Amino acid sequence: MEQNLLETLPPPAFESLPQTQPKQQIKEHIWQWFGLDVSKDSFTAAYYSGLPDTKNSEVVSFESSRKGVKKFLNWRKKHTFSDYPSAIVMESTGYYSRNLTDIFLKLDSSIHVSICNARSVSYYIKSHAENKTDQSDARFISRYGYDFQPLSVKIKSRDEKLLKEFVSERMKVVKMMTMLTNKSHSLEYAETKAINKGIIDFLNKKKQELDKKIVEVSKLSVEMDNEIALIDSVPGIGRVSASVIYAELGSLKQYTRLQLSGMSGLFPKISQSGTSMNKSKLAKSGSSNLRQILYMDSIKAIEIIPSLRELRKRLLARENSRKMTAMCACMRKLLLIAKGVVDSGIPYDPSFQQKKGEVSHKTA
């Protein structure tokens, strides 16, 4: 049976490619996928390889613990074939999916584990089935992995995780402060206003404490410290803001400019159907914390960086232009400037654009 199953599978991707193409540059297609539907204390697993007999394969539940993961890995061996790569895919469920991934990678660092956008996975499941159960979700998550071939997660160091947690707590405090500040304008009585102000003052002190902790943690790793220092060199972006950007995105070196725009959610989402009017709005995918910090930094950066100031002026001069649209474009450009600085490994040079223009003029 095993031999017949292997014969029906296509050969590994690199075998059919020209010999001149280096194998290390080829993204190998993964045929065997294990979909996990993750909950608080357990996860449900299903297997899919694209073959008809795997569409209704066995579905098993395991505890979300080291012991449960070991049982899953033993169960996994019964379904996989060593000649073909396999992978694990789950939707993002915050702490639960991250914790489960950590257990997998601690037991076997060679495992391909993908954590995918929950909204994208949810839409995929809804497009295939009306009913929702842990078993059916696990099956469709495995098929999602097979269809989309998501990349494996990058293993984060303890310092990166600690920085991420401090940044997350800081953003929660900032959110509460903003909510209470907005509420203060509608308060009528002095007693409630005093309580409101007291809470805001307390939260502001906690925010300052978190800022100090974030700066301290951002210097624990040499690699992390160097990149955050480069981002910090960009006008308008301070050390705390640079740490938030790094905590939310990781190293900017790992992204192309297009990928970075997608991760930030700072690109237009176009809506058009038939003869109806085309509409576009900000996609807002990715981290809202990142967009919040970029908004505040862009206000300062526009006053200092000429290219940002010119971009905003040019966009506002357009017919039916909006201030927020221009600001979002500046936020995206500021993030790309930070990436350029990180890629170069040299702190921000205010005369770089002028030098670049002079070189282009001489070449022309």
Protein backbone atom coordinates (compact mmCIF):
# COMPACT_ATOMS: atom_id res chain seq x y z
CA MET A 1 0.00 0.00 0.00
CA GLU A 2 2.84 2.35 0.87
CA GLN A 3 4.49 1.75 -2.49
CA ASN A 4 1.27 2.46 -4.41
CA LEU A 5 0.71 5.67 -2.46
CA LEU A 6 4.21 6.93 -3.19
CA GLU A 7 3.83 6.18 -6.89
CA THR A 8 0.80 8.46 -7.09
CA LEU A 9 2.73 11.39 -5.61
CA PRO A 10 4.65 13.70 -7.98
CA PRO A 11 8.44 13.61 -7.69
CA PRO A 12 10.16 16.14 -5.40
CA ALA A 13 10.22 19.62 -6.97
CA PHE A 14 13.99 19.85 -7.52
CA GLU A 15 14.21 16.65 -9.61
CA SER A 16 12.35 18.16 -12.58
CA LEU A 17 14.25 21.46 -12.60
CA PRO A 18 17.31 22.30 -14.71
CA GLN A 19 20.61 21.19 -13.22
CA THR A 20 21.98 24.73 -13.50
CA GLN A 21 19.59 26.03 -10.83
CA PRO A 22 21.01 25.67 -7.29
CA LYS A 23 18.86 23.42 -5.10
CA GLN A 24 19.18 25.73 -2.08
CA GLN A 25 17.35 28.48 -3.99
CA ILE A 26 14.32 26.27 -4.69
CA LYS A 27 11.33 26.31 -2.36
CA GLU A 28 10.41 22.64 -2.11
CA HIS A 29 6.71 21.86 -2.42
CA ILE A 30 5.31 20.17 0.70
CA TRP A 31 2.75 17.44 0.02
CA GLN A 32 1.93 16.22 3.52
CA TRP A 33 0.20 18.64 5.90
CA PHE A 34 -1.10 18.25 9.43
CA GLY A 35 -3.79 20.80 10.31
CA LEU A 36 -4.22 21.69 13.98
CA ASP A 37 -7.30 23.30 15.49
CA VAL A 38 -5.89 24.78 18.70
CA SER A 39 -7.85 25.53 21.86
CA LYS A 40 -6.86 26.39 25.44
CA ASP A 41 -5.97 22.92 26.76
CA SER A 42 -5.92 20.73 23.65
CA PHE A 43 -5.56 20.62 19.88
CA THR A 44 -7.27 18.52 17.22
CA ALA A 45 -5.10 17.18 14.38
CA ALA A 46 -5.94 16.01 10.85
CA TYR A 47 -3.77 14.84 7.94
CA TYR A 48 -4.03 15.78 4.25
CA SER A 49 -1.78 14.99 1.28
CA GLY A 50 -4.02 15.88 -1.66
CA LEU A 51 -5.00 12.26 -2.28
CA PRO A 52 -8.67 11.13 -2.27
CA ASP A 53 -8.20 8.71 0.63
CA THR A 54 -6.90 11.47 2.93
CA LYS A 55 -9.95 13.74 2.64
CA ASN A 56 -11.71 11.82 5.43
CA SER A 57 -8.62 10.69 7.28
CA GLU A 58 -8.41 10.02 11.00
CA VAL A 59 -8.82 13.05 13.27
CA VAL A 60 -7.34 12.86 16.77
CA SER A 61 -7.22 15.23 19.76
CA PHE A 62 -4.19 15.74 22.00
CA GLU A 63 -3.37 17.73 25.13
CA SER A 64 -1.58 21.06 24.58
CA SER A 65 1.36 19.93 26.68
CA ARG A 66 4.77 18.37 26.19
CA LYS A 67 3.27 14.92 26.78
CA GLY A 68 0.45 15.56 24.31
CA VAL A 69 2.83 16.85 21.63
CA LYS A 70 5.01 13.73 22.00
CA LYS A 71 1.92 11.56 21.42
CA PHE A 72 1.08 13.63 18.35
CA LEU A 73 4.60 13.22 16.93
CA ASN A 74 4.30 9.44 17.31
CA TRP A 75 0.89 9.52 15.60
CA ARG A 76 2.36 11.72 12.87
CA LYS A 77 5.00 9.12 11.99
CA LYS A 78 2.28 6.64 11.00
CA HIS A 79 1.03 8.97 8.25
CA THR A 80 4.20 10.43 6.76
CA PHE A 81 6.69 9.09 4.25
CA SER A 82 10.34 9.94 4.76
CA ASP A 83 10.96 10.67 1.05
CA TYR A 84 8.53 13.60 1.12
CA PRO A 85 8.55 16.62 3.45
CA SER A 86 5.70 17.20 5.86
CA ALA A 87 4.56 20.28 7.77
CA ILE A 88 2.24 21.44 10.53
CA VAL A 89 -0.16 24.35 10.08
CA MET A 90 -2.45 26.14 12.55
CA GLU A 91 -4.33 29.42 12.66
CA SER A 92 -3.13 32.18 14.95
CA THR A 93 -4.81 32.00 18.37
CA GLY A 94 -2.42 34.30 20.21
CA TYR A 95 -0.70 32.76 23.22
CA TYR A 96 -2.10 29.24 22.66
CA SER A 97 -0.70 28.82 19.14
CA ARG A 98 2.63 30.42 20.10
CA ASN A 99 2.99 28.22 23.18
CA LEU A 100 2.17 25.06 21.21
CA THR A 101 4.69 26.03 18.52
CA ASP A 102 7.38 26.54 21.17
CA ILE A 103 6.77 23.01 22.49
CA PHE A 104 7.01 21.55 18.96
CA LEU A 105 10.27 23.32 18.18
CA LYS A 106 11.83 22.49 21.55
CA LEU A 107 11.16 18.79 20.94
CA ASP A 108 12.27 18.93 17.29
CA SER A 109 13.70 22.14 15.84
CA SER A 110 13.61 20.70 12.29
CA ILE A 111 9.80 20.60 12.16
CA HIS A 112 8.14 22.98 9.68
CA VAL A 113 5.44 24.79 11.70
CA SER A 114 3.29 27.53 10.15
CA ILE A 115 1.02 29.92 12.04
CA CYS A 116 -1.42 31.54 9.61
CA ASN A 117 -3.66 34.59 9.75
CA ALA A 118 -6.87 33.57 11.57
CA ARG A 119 -9.10 35.65 9.31
CA SER A 120 -7.66 34.11 6.15
CA VAL A 121 -8.07 30.58 7.53
CA SER A 122 -11.61 31.35 8.72
CA TYR A 123 -12.67 32.60 5.26
CA TYR A 124 -11.16 29.48 3.69
CA ILE A 125 -13.08 27.17 6.03
CA LYS A 126 -16.37 29.05 5.52
CA SER A 127 -15.97 28.80 1.74
CA HIS A 128 -15.81 24.98 2.02
CA ALA A 129 -18.25 24.08 4.81
CA GLU A 130 -21.26 25.51 6.61
CA ASN A 131 -20.94 23.42 9.78
CA LYS A 132 -18.17 24.14 12.26
CA THR A 133 -16.59 21.50 14.50
CA ASP A 134 -13.06 20.96 15.79
CA GLN A 135 -12.75 17.90 13.54
CA SER A 136 -13.90 19.64 10.36
CA ASP A 137 -11.79 22.74 11.15
CA ALA A 138 -8.66 20.58 11.55
CA ARG A 139 -9.33 18.90 8.19
CA PHE A 140 -9.77 22.19 6.36
CA ILE A 141 -6.77 23.78 8.08
CA SER A 142 -4.63 20.89 6.76
CA ARG A 143 -6.05 21.52 3.27
CA TYR A 144 -5.32 25.23 3.68
CA GLY A 145 -1.67 24.37 4.29
CA TYR A 146 -1.61 22.11 1.23
CA ASP A 147 -3.18 24.79 -1.01
CA PHE A 148 -1.22 27.84 0.18
CA GLN A 149 2.12 26.33 1.28
CA PRO A 150 2.69 28.83 4.15
CA LEU A 151 6.24 29.49 5.35
CA SER A 152 7.51 28.15 8.67
CA VAL A 153 7.67 30.44 11.68
CA LYS A 154 10.97 31.97 12.71
CA ILE A 155 12.23 30.86 16.10
CA LYS A 156 12.43 33.86 18.42
CA SER A 157 15.01 34.19 21.17
CA ARG A 158 14.08 34.78 24.80
CA ASP A 159 15.14 38.43 24.49
CA GLU A 160 12.85 38.96 21.48
CA LYS A 161 9.91 37.36 23.30
CA LEU A 162 10.54 39.46 26.41
CA LEU A 163 10.68 42.64 24.32
CA LYS A 164 7.44 41.66 22.59
CA GLU A 165 5.67 41.18 25.93
CA PHE A 166 6.84 44.53 27.32
CA VAL A 167 5.73 46.26 24.10
CA SER A 168 2.35 44.51 24.27
CA GLU A 169 1.81 45.68 27.87
CA ARG A 170 2.85 49.21 26.96
CA MET A 171 0.35 49.39 24.09
CA LYS A 172 -2.43 48.20 26.42
CA VAL A 173 -1.59 50.98 28.88
CA VAL A 174 -1.54 53.56 26.06
CA LYS A 175 -4.93 52.31 24.84
CA MET A 176 -6.46 52.68 28.32
CA MET A 177 -4.96 56.16 28.69
CA THR A 178 -6.43 57.23 25.34
CA MET A 179 -9.86 55.86 26.25
CA LEU A 180 -9.91 57.60 29.64
CA THR A 181 -8.61 60.88 28.18
CA ASN A 182 -11.37 60.87 25.56
CA LYS A 183 -13.92 60.07 28.25
CA SER A 184 -12.75 62.93 30.48
CA HIS A 185 -14.24 65.54 28.12
CA SER A 186 -17.75 64.22 28.73
CA LEU A 187 -17.51 64.06 32.54
CA GLU A 188 -19.69 66.60 34.30
CA TYR A 189 -18.77 66.44 37.99
CA ALA A 190 -15.51 67.37 39.71
CA GLU A 191 -15.45 64.14 41.76
CA THR A 192 -15.47 61.87 38.70
CA LYS A 193 -13.01 64.13 36.87
CA ALA A 194 -10.57 63.80 39.78
CA ILE A 195 -10.82 59.99 39.73
CA ASN A 196 -10.36 59.97 35.96
CA LYS A 197 -7.26 62.18 36.22
CA GLY A 198 -5.82 60.05 39.02
CA ILE A 199 -6.11 56.88 36.95
CA ILE A 200 -4.54 58.59 33.91
CA ASP A 201 -1.62 59.85 36.04
CA PHE A 202 -1.10 56.35 37.46
CA LEU A 203 -1.15 54.78 33.98
CA ASN A 204 1.26 57.43 32.69
CA LYS A 205 3.77 56.47 35.41
CA LYS A 206 3.40 52.79 34.43
CA LYS A 207 3.95 53.73 30.80
CA GLN A 208 7.18 55.55 31.71
CA GLU A 209 8.34 52.48 33.69
CA LEU A 210 7.59 50.24 30.69
CA ASP A 211 9.48 52.61 28.38
CA LYS A 212 12.58 52.22 30.56
CA LYS A 213 12.19 48.44 30.62
CA ILE A 214 11.75 48.31 26.83
CA VAL A 215 14.98 50.28 26.29
CA GLU A 216 16.84 47.99 28.71
CA VAL A 217 15.55 44.79 27.09
CA SER A 218 16.25 46.09 23.57
CA LYS A 219 19.96 46.18 24.46
CA LEU A 220 20.20 42.60 25.79
CA SER A 221 20.99 41.10 22.38
CA VAL A 222 23.80 42.56 20.24
CA GLU A 223 21.98 41.81 16.99
CA MET A 224 18.71 43.27 18.26
CA ASP A 225 20.46 46.31 19.76
CA ASN A 226 22.31 47.08 16.50
CA GLU A 227 19.19 46.98 14.34
CA ILE A 228 17.06 48.99 16.78
CA ALA A 229 19.85 51.60 16.97
CA LEU A 230 19.78 51.91 13.17
CA ILE A 231 15.99 52.39 13.17
CA ASP A 232 16.38 54.90 16.01
CA SER A 233 18.73 56.97 13.82
CA VAL A 234 15.83 57.85 11.48
CA PRO A 235 14.44 61.31 12.40
CA GLY A 236 11.10 61.12 14.21
CA ILE A 237 11.67 57.57 15.44
CA GLY A 238 12.91 57.30 19.03
CA ARG A 239 14.43 54.31 20.82
CA VAL A 240 11.09 53.15 22.23
CA SER A 241 9.37 53.47 18.85
CA ALA A 242 12.22 51.60 17.16
CA SER A 243 11.86 48.84 19.75
CA VAL A 244 8.11 48.63 19.08
CA ILE A 245 8.75 48.32 15.33
CA TYR A 246 11.29 45.54 15.92
CA ALA A 247 9.02 43.74 18.43
CA GLU A 248 6.08 43.77 16.02
CA LEU A 249 7.96 42.86 12.83
CA GLY A 250 11.24 41.29 13.85
CA SER A 251 14.26 42.10 11.68
CA LEU A 252 13.34 44.34 8.74
CA LYS A 253 16.03 42.57 6.69
CA GLN A 254 13.79 39.53 6.21
CA TYR A 255 11.20 41.45 4.15
CA THR A 256 11.07 42.88 0.66
CA ARG A 257 9.62 46.39 0.35
CA LEU A 258 6.35 44.90 -0.90
CA GLN A 259 6.17 42.39 1.96
CA LEU A 260 6.87 45.11 4.50
CA SER A 261 4.01 47.20 3.12
CA GLY A 262 1.75 44.17 3.40
CA MET A 263 2.84 43.41 6.98
CA SER A 264 2.12 46.99 8.05
CA GLY A 265 -1.32 47.11 6.42
CA LEU A 266 -0.45 50.52 4.94
CA PHE A 267 -1.71 49.87 1.42
CA PRO A 268 -5.07 50.52 -0.29
CA LYS A 269 -7.70 47.80 -0.39
CA ILE A 270 -9.65 48.18 -3.64
CA SER A 271 -13.34 47.20 -3.85
CA GLN A 272 -15.01 46.98 -7.28
CA SER A 273 -17.86 44.88 -8.61
CA GLY A 274 -19.28 45.07 -12.14
CA THR A 275 -20.25 48.61 -13.02
CA SER A 276 -20.32 49.79 -9.41
CA MET A 277 -17.95 52.54 -8.38
CA ASN A 278 -14.40 51.63 -7.45
CA LYS A 279 -13.65 52.23 -3.81
CA SER A 280 -10.45 51.96 -1.87
CA LYS A 281 -9.63 52.08 1.80
CA LEU A 282 -6.69 51.22 4.02
CA ALA A 283 -6.24 47.45 4.31
CA LYS A 284 -5.33 47.62 8.02
CA SER A 285 -3.93 44.11 8.00
CA GLY A 286 -1.11 43.25 10.38
CA SER A 287 -0.32 44.98 13.66
CA SER A 288 -2.44 47.94 14.77
CA ASN A 289 0.26 48.70 17.38
CA LEU A 290 2.74 49.21 14.54
CA ARG A 291 0.45 51.63 12.71
CA GLN A 292 -0.23 53.54 15.92
CA ILE A 293 3.47 54.09 16.63
CA LEU A 294 4.21 54.98 12.98
CA TYR A 295 1.42 57.57 13.02
CA MET A 296 2.89 59.38 16.01
CA ASP A 297 6.44 59.17 14.59
CA SER A 298 5.35 60.39 11.15
CA ILE A 299 3.95 63.61 12.61
CA LYS A 300 7.47 64.48 13.83
CA ALA A 301 9.31 62.98 10.83
CA ILE A 302 7.35 65.03 8.26
CA GLU A 303 8.77 68.23 9.80
CA ILE A 304 12.36 66.92 9.54
CA ILE A 305 12.60 64.69 6.44
CA PRO A 306 12.15 66.68 3.18
CA SER A 307 11.00 63.68 1.11
CA LEU A 308 8.15 62.98 3.54
CA ARG A 309 7.15 66.63 3.59
CA GLU A 310 7.12 66.75 -0.23
CA LEU A 311 5.14 63.51 -0.45
CA ARG A 312 2.45 64.82 1.88
CA LYS A 313 2.28 68.14 0.03
CA ARG A 314 1.98 66.41 -3.35
CA LEU A 315 -0.80 64.07 -2.18
CA LEU A 316 -2.78 66.85 -0.51
CA ALA A 317 -2.64 68.84 -3.76
CA ARG A 318 -4.61 66.12 -5.57
CA GLU A 319 -8.32 66.48 -6.22
CA ASN A 320 -10.51 64.86 -3.52
CA SER A 321 -7.41 64.15 -1.44
CA ARG A 322 -7.68 63.31 2.26
CA LYS A 323 -5.31 64.19 5.08
CA MET A 324 -5.39 60.66 6.51
CA THR A 325 -4.58 59.14 3.10
CA ALA A 326 -1.54 61.39 2.82
CA MET A 327 -0.52 60.56 6.39
CA CYS A 328 -0.75 56.81 5.75
CA ALA A 329 1.46 57.19 2.67
CA CYS A 330 4.02 59.03 4.81
CA MET A 331 3.83 56.31 7.47
CA ARG A 332 4.58 53.67 4.85
CA LYS A 333 7.45 55.70 3.42
CA LEU A 334 8.92 56.25 6.90
CA LEU A 335 8.89 52.48 7.49
CA LEU A 336 10.60 51.89 4.13
CA ILE A 337 13.23 54.52 4.98
CA ALA A 338 13.90 52.60 8.21
CA LYS A 339 14.27 49.39 6.21
CA GLY A 340 16.71 51.08 3.84
CA VAL A 341 18.82 52.20 6.79
CA VAL A 342 18.78 48.70 8.31
CA ASP A 343 19.68 47.06 4.98
CA SER A 344 22.61 49.45 4.50
CA GLY A 345 23.88 48.97 8.05
CA ILE A 346 24.68 52.70 8.18
CA PRO A 347 22.81 55.23 10.38
CA TYR A 348 20.44 57.64 8.64
CA ASP A 349 22.22 60.22 6.47
CA PRO A 350 20.09 63.38 5.94
CA SER A 351 22.04 64.24 2.77
CA PHE A 352 21.55 60.79 1.17
CA GLN A 353 18.61 61.81 -1.04
CA GLN A 354 20.47 64.89 -2.22
CA LYS A 355 23.56 62.83 -3.06
CA LYS A 356 21.40 60.28 -4.85
CA GLY A 357 19.78 63.04 -6.91
CA GLU A 358 23.15 64.47 -7.90
CA VAL A 359 24.40 61.05 -9.05
CA SER A 360 21.25 60.47 -11.12
CA HIS A 361 21.63 63.91 -12.72
CA LYS A 362 25.28 63.25 -13.71
CA THR A 363 24.35 59.81 -15.11
CA ALA A 364 21.59 61.34 -17.22
